[in-house]
Amino acid sequence: MERSRNSPASPSAARDDRVAVEVRIAGRVQGVWFRGWTREEAVRLGLDGWVRNLADGRVAARFEGPRLAVDKMLGLCWEGPRMARVVDVDVRSVAPDPSTVGFEVRR
């Protein structure tokens, strides 16, 4: 049986319900394995995007995927890895980018 293009199980429908956010995470977030931890958690949740350190000591990230998974990741950003001490997570909604596939640590 062929699925219709509007079926929730179709790949195009799955891409249509995606949301994307860019975040800036402040606190003790560099030198504590925050980027590696972020990648592991994002991959576990099935998110696409990237994470990188900023020159001002914060960590920047983009998360793209289903709303529930993105919301879960945003909650996790407040925790971070064991040695991190997060004091702020600034979130900005952005348009999903269909070319964003996979999750990478950027330098």
N, C-alpha and C. Protein backbone atom coordinates (compact mmCIF):
# COMPACT_ATOMS: atom_id res chain seq x y z
N MET A 1 0.83 -1.17 0.00
CA MET A 1 0.00 0.00 0.00
C MET A 1 0.88 1.24 0.00
N GLU A 2 0.53 2.24 -0.78
CA GLU A 2 1.30 3.47 -0.89
C GLU A 2 0.77 4.50 0.11
N ARG A 3 1.67 5.20 0.77
CA ARG A 3 1.26 6.24 1.73
C ARG A 3 1.00 7.54 1.00
N SER A 4 0.03 8.30 1.48
CA SER A 4 -0.24 9.61 0.87
C SER A 4 0.82 10.59 1.33
N ARG A 5 1.00 11.65 0.59
CA ARG A 5 1.99 12.67 0.95
C ARG A 5 1.63 13.38 2.24
N ASN A 6 0.37 13.35 2.63
CA ASN A 6 -0.06 14.03 3.85
C ASN A 6 -0.06 13.11 5.07
N SER A 7 0.29 11.86 4.89
CA SER A 7 0.34 10.92 5.99
C SER A 7 1.42 11.33 6.98
N PRO A 8 1.13 11.28 8.29
CA PRO A 8 2.15 11.63 9.28
C PRO A 8 3.40 10.75 9.19
N ALA A 9 3.26 9.57 8.61
CA ALA A 9 4.41 8.68 8.52
C ALA A 9 5.29 8.96 7.30
N SER A 10 4.86 9.86 6.43
CA SER A 10 5.66 10.15 5.25
C SER A 10 6.84 11.04 5.61
N PRO A 11 7.98 10.88 4.94
CA PRO A 11 9.17 11.69 5.26
C PRO A 11 8.92 13.18 5.15
N SER A 12 8.15 13.63 4.15
CA SER A 12 7.92 15.07 4.01
C SER A 12 7.09 15.60 5.17
N ALA A 13 6.13 14.82 5.66
CA ALA A 13 5.33 15.26 6.80
C ALA A 13 6.20 15.34 8.04
N ALA A 14 7.12 14.37 8.18
CA ALA A 14 8.01 14.39 9.35
C ALA A 14 8.87 15.64 9.33
N ARG A 15 9.31 16.11 8.18
CA ARG A 15 10.12 17.32 8.09
C ARG A 15 9.27 18.56 8.35
N ASP A 16 7.96 18.48 8.03
CA ASP A 16 7.08 19.64 8.20
C ASP A 16 6.83 19.98 9.67
N ASP A 17 6.91 19.01 10.59
CA ASP A 17 6.63 19.30 12.00
C ASP A 17 7.88 19.67 12.78
N ARG A 18 8.96 19.94 12.08
CA ARG A 18 10.23 20.30 12.72
C ARG A 18 10.22 21.75 13.20
N VAL A 19 10.90 21.96 14.31
CA VAL A 19 11.16 23.31 14.81
C VAL A 19 12.67 23.44 14.95
N ALA A 20 13.12 24.67 15.02
CA ALA A 20 14.56 24.92 15.18
C ALA A 20 14.76 26.07 16.15
N VAL A 21 15.79 25.95 16.96
CA VAL A 21 16.16 27.02 17.89
C VAL A 21 17.67 27.17 17.88
N GLU A 22 18.11 28.38 18.17
CA GLU A 22 19.52 28.63 18.43
C GLU A 22 19.61 29.09 19.87
N VAL A 23 20.60 28.57 20.58
CA VAL A 23 20.75 28.87 21.99
C VAL A 23 22.16 29.37 22.29
N ARG A 24 22.26 30.16 23.35
CA ARG A 24 23.54 30.60 23.90
C ARG A 24 23.50 30.21 25.37
N ILE A 25 24.46 29.40 25.78
CA ILE A 25 24.48 28.86 27.13
C ILE A 25 25.64 29.50 27.88
N ALA A 26 25.36 30.10 29.03
CA ALA A 26 26.36 30.82 29.81
C ALA A 26 26.61 30.14 31.14
N GLY A 27 27.79 30.36 31.67
CA GLY A 27 28.19 29.81 32.95
C GLY A 27 29.53 29.11 32.79
N ARG A 28 29.76 28.10 33.59
CA ARG A 28 30.98 27.29 33.45
C ARG A 28 30.67 26.20 32.43
N VAL A 29 30.83 26.54 31.15
CA VAL A 29 30.40 25.65 30.07
C VAL A 29 31.52 25.33 29.08
N GLN A 30 32.68 25.89 29.27
CA GLN A 30 33.83 25.54 28.42
C GLN A 30 34.86 24.84 29.28
N GLY A 31 35.51 23.84 28.68
CA GLY A 31 36.50 23.08 29.42
C GLY A 31 35.90 22.03 30.33
N VAL A 32 34.61 21.74 30.17
CA VAL A 32 33.92 20.75 31.01
C VAL A 32 33.20 19.70 30.16
N TRP A 33 33.61 19.56 28.89
CA TRP A 33 33.07 18.59 27.96
C TRP A 33 31.62 18.90 27.57
N PHE A 34 31.24 20.17 27.60
CA PHE A 34 29.86 20.55 27.28
C PHE A 34 29.51 20.23 25.83
N ARG A 35 30.41 20.51 24.89
CA ARG A 35 30.10 20.27 23.47
C ARG A 35 29.92 18.78 23.20
N GLY A 36 30.81 17.95 23.71
CA GLY A 36 30.68 16.50 23.50
C GLY A 36 29.41 15.95 24.12
N TRP A 37 29.10 16.40 25.32
CA TRP A 37 27.87 15.99 26.00
C TRP A 37 26.64 16.42 25.20
N THR A 38 26.67 17.66 24.69
CA THR A 38 25.55 18.17 23.91
C THR A 38 25.33 17.31 22.67
N ARG A 39 26.40 16.97 21.99
CA ARG A 39 26.28 16.13 20.80
C ARG A 39 25.67 14.77 21.15
N GLU A 40 26.16 14.14 22.22
CA GLU A 40 25.61 12.84 22.63
C GLU A 40 24.12 12.93 22.92
N GLU A 41 23.71 13.94 23.66
CA GLU A 41 22.30 14.09 24.02
C GLU A 41 21.44 14.41 22.80
N ALA A 42 21.93 15.27 21.92
CA ALA A 42 21.18 15.62 20.72
C ALA A 42 21.00 14.41 19.81
N VAL A 43 22.05 13.63 19.64
CA VAL A 43 21.96 12.42 18.81
C VAL A 43 20.98 11.44 19.45
N ARG A 44 21.05 11.27 20.76
CA ARG A 44 20.14 10.37 21.48
C ARG A 44 18.69 10.77 21.26
N LEU A 45 18.43 12.07 21.19
CA LEU A 45 17.06 12.58 20.99
C LEU A 45 16.66 12.67 19.52
N GLY A 46 17.59 12.35 18.62
CA GLY A 46 17.28 12.39 17.19
C GLY A 46 17.28 13.79 16.60
N LEU A 47 18.05 14.70 17.20
CA LEU A 47 18.09 16.08 16.71
C LEU A 47 19.21 16.29 15.71
N ASP A 48 19.01 17.26 14.85
CA ASP A 48 20.04 17.72 13.93
C ASP A 48 20.54 19.07 14.43
N GLY A 49 21.74 19.46 13.98
CA GLY A 49 22.25 20.78 14.33
C GLY A 49 23.74 20.78 14.60
N TRP A 50 24.15 21.68 15.49
CA TRP A 50 25.57 21.84 15.80
C TRP A 50 25.74 22.48 17.17
N VAL A 51 26.97 22.43 17.67
CA VAL A 51 27.34 23.08 18.93
C VAL A 51 28.77 23.57 18.77
N ARG A 52 29.07 24.75 19.38
CA ARG A 52 30.43 25.28 19.31
C ARG A 52 30.67 26.22 20.49
N ASN A 53 31.95 26.42 20.81
CA ASN A 53 32.33 27.40 21.83
C ASN A 53 32.34 28.78 21.21
N LEU A 54 32.03 29.78 22.02
CA LEU A 54 32.13 31.18 21.61
C LEU A 54 33.32 31.82 22.31
N ALA A 55 33.86 32.85 21.70
CA ALA A 55 35.04 33.54 22.26
C ALA A 55 34.76 34.16 23.63
N ASP A 56 33.50 34.47 23.91
CA ASP A 56 33.15 35.12 25.18
C ASP A 56 32.93 34.14 26.33
N GLY A 57 33.20 32.84 26.10
CA GLY A 57 33.07 31.84 27.16
C GLY A 57 31.76 31.08 27.16
N ARG A 58 30.81 31.50 26.34
CA ARG A 58 29.55 30.78 26.24
C ARG A 58 29.66 29.66 25.22
N VAL A 59 28.63 28.82 25.17
CA VAL A 59 28.50 27.79 24.16
C VAL A 59 27.27 28.13 23.33
N ALA A 60 27.38 28.02 22.01
CA ALA A 60 26.26 28.25 21.10
C ALA A 60 25.85 26.91 20.51
N ALA A 61 24.56 26.75 20.25
CA ALA A 61 24.08 25.52 19.64
C ALA A 61 22.83 25.80 18.82
N ARG A 62 22.61 24.92 17.85
CA ARG A 62 21.37 24.93 17.06
C ARG A 62 20.79 23.53 17.17
N PHE A 63 19.51 23.46 17.54
CA PHE A 63 18.80 22.19 17.65
C PHE A 63 17.63 22.23 16.70
N GLU A 64 17.48 21.18 15.92
CA GLU A 64 16.38 21.10 14.96
C GLU A 64 15.81 19.70 14.99
N GLY A 65 14.47 19.62 15.08
CA GLY A 65 13.80 18.33 15.10
C GLY A 65 12.39 18.48 15.62
N PRO A 66 11.77 17.38 16.02
CA PRO A 66 10.41 17.44 16.57
C PRO A 66 10.37 18.32 17.82
N ARG A 67 9.29 19.06 17.98
CA ARG A 67 9.16 20.01 19.10
C ARG A 67 9.45 19.37 20.46
N LEU A 68 8.91 18.18 20.71
CA LEU A 68 9.11 17.55 22.02
C LEU A 68 10.59 17.25 22.28
N ALA A 69 11.30 16.80 21.25
CA ALA A 69 12.73 16.51 21.41
C ALA A 69 13.53 17.78 21.62
N VAL A 70 13.19 18.84 20.89
CA VAL A 70 13.88 20.13 21.06
C VAL A 70 13.63 20.65 22.47
N ASP A 71 12.38 20.58 22.94
CA ASP A 71 12.06 21.05 24.29
C ASP A 71 12.83 20.25 25.34
N LYS A 72 12.93 18.95 25.15
CA LYS A 72 13.69 18.11 26.08
C LYS A 72 15.16 18.54 26.10
N MET A 73 15.73 18.80 24.93
CA MET A 73 17.14 19.23 24.85
C MET A 73 17.33 20.57 25.54
N LEU A 74 16.39 21.47 25.38
CA LEU A 74 16.51 22.78 26.05
C LEU A 74 16.52 22.61 27.56
N GLY A 75 15.72 21.70 28.08
CA GLY A 75 15.74 21.41 29.51
C GLY A 75 17.07 20.83 29.95
N LEU A 76 17.62 19.93 29.13
CA LEU A 76 18.92 19.33 29.44
C LEU A 76 20.04 20.37 29.44
N CYS A 77 19.91 21.39 28.58
CA CYS A 77 20.94 22.44 28.52
C CYS A 77 21.11 23.14 29.86
N TRP A 78 20.05 23.20 30.66
CA TRP A 78 20.15 23.82 31.98
C TRP A 78 20.95 22.95 32.95
N GLU A 79 21.07 21.65 32.65
CA GLU A 79 21.83 20.74 33.50
C GLU A 79 23.27 20.62 33.03
N GLY A 80 23.45 20.28 31.75
CA GLY A 80 24.79 20.09 31.21
C GLY A 80 25.47 18.88 31.80
N PRO A 81 26.73 18.66 31.43
CA PRO A 81 27.49 17.55 32.01
C PRO A 81 27.82 17.84 33.48
N ARG A 82 28.31 16.85 34.16
CA ARG A 82 28.51 16.91 35.61
C ARG A 82 29.32 18.12 36.08
N MET A 83 30.38 18.50 35.38
CA MET A 83 31.24 19.60 35.84
C MET A 83 30.76 20.99 35.42
N ALA A 84 29.73 21.06 34.61
CA ALA A 84 29.22 22.35 34.14
C ALA A 84 28.39 23.03 35.22
N ARG A 85 28.34 24.35 35.15
CA ARG A 85 27.48 25.16 36.01
C ARG A 85 26.79 26.18 35.11
N VAL A 86 25.58 25.88 34.69
CA VAL A 86 24.84 26.73 33.76
C VAL A 86 24.11 27.82 34.53
N VAL A 87 24.26 29.07 34.08
CA VAL A 87 23.58 30.19 34.72
C VAL A 87 22.52 30.82 33.82
N ASP A 88 22.61 30.57 32.50
CA ASP A 88 21.61 31.14 31.59
C ASP A 88 21.57 30.34 30.28
N VAL A 89 20.37 30.17 29.76
CA VAL A 89 20.16 29.56 28.45
C VAL A 89 19.25 30.51 27.68
N ASP A 90 19.84 31.23 26.74
CA ASP A 90 19.10 32.18 25.91
C ASP A 90 18.65 31.45 24.64
N VAL A 91 17.35 31.42 24.39
CA VAL A 91 16.78 30.65 23.28
C VAL A 91 16.13 31.60 22.27
N ARG A 92 16.41 31.34 20.99
CA ARG A 92 15.80 32.12 19.91
C ARG A 92 15.28 31.14 18.87
N SER A 93 13.98 31.25 18.54
CA SER A 93 13.41 30.41 17.49
C SER A 93 13.92 30.88 16.14
N VAL A 94 14.24 29.92 15.27
CA VAL A 94 14.71 30.21 13.91
C VAL A 94 13.94 29.28 12.96
N ALA A 95 14.01 29.58 11.69
CA ALA A 95 13.34 28.75 10.69
C ALA A 95 14.11 27.44 10.52
N PRO A 96 13.39 26.32 10.45
CA PRO A 96 14.07 25.05 10.17
C PRO A 96 14.77 25.10 8.81
N ASP A 97 15.89 24.42 8.72
CA ASP A 97 16.67 24.37 7.48
C ASP A 97 16.67 22.92 6.99
N PRO A 98 15.96 22.63 5.89
CA PRO A 98 15.86 21.25 5.41
C PRO A 98 17.21 20.61 5.09
N SER A 99 18.25 21.41 4.91
CA SER A 99 19.56 20.84 4.60
C SER A 99 20.33 20.43 5.86
N THR A 100 19.80 20.75 7.04
CA THR A 100 20.47 20.39 8.28
C THR A 100 20.21 18.92 8.58
N VAL A 101 21.27 18.12 8.51
CA VAL A 101 21.17 16.68 8.76
C VAL A 101 22.34 16.26 9.63
N GLY A 102 22.06 15.56 10.70
CA GLY A 102 23.10 15.12 11.62
C GLY A 102 23.42 16.19 12.65
N PHE A 103 24.31 15.85 13.57
CA PHE A 103 24.68 16.80 14.62
C PHE A 103 26.19 16.83 14.73
N GLU A 104 26.76 18.04 14.69
CA GLU A 104 28.22 18.15 14.69
C GLU A 104 28.72 19.11 15.75
N VAL A 105 29.93 18.82 16.21
CA VAL A 105 30.66 19.74 17.08
C VAL A 105 31.50 20.61 16.16
N ARG A 106 31.28 21.91 16.24
CA ARG A 106 32.05 22.84 15.42
C ARG A 106 33.15 23.47 16.25
N ARG A 107 34.22 23.83 15.58
CA ARG A 107 35.35 24.49 16.24
C ARG A 107 35.22 25.98 16.14
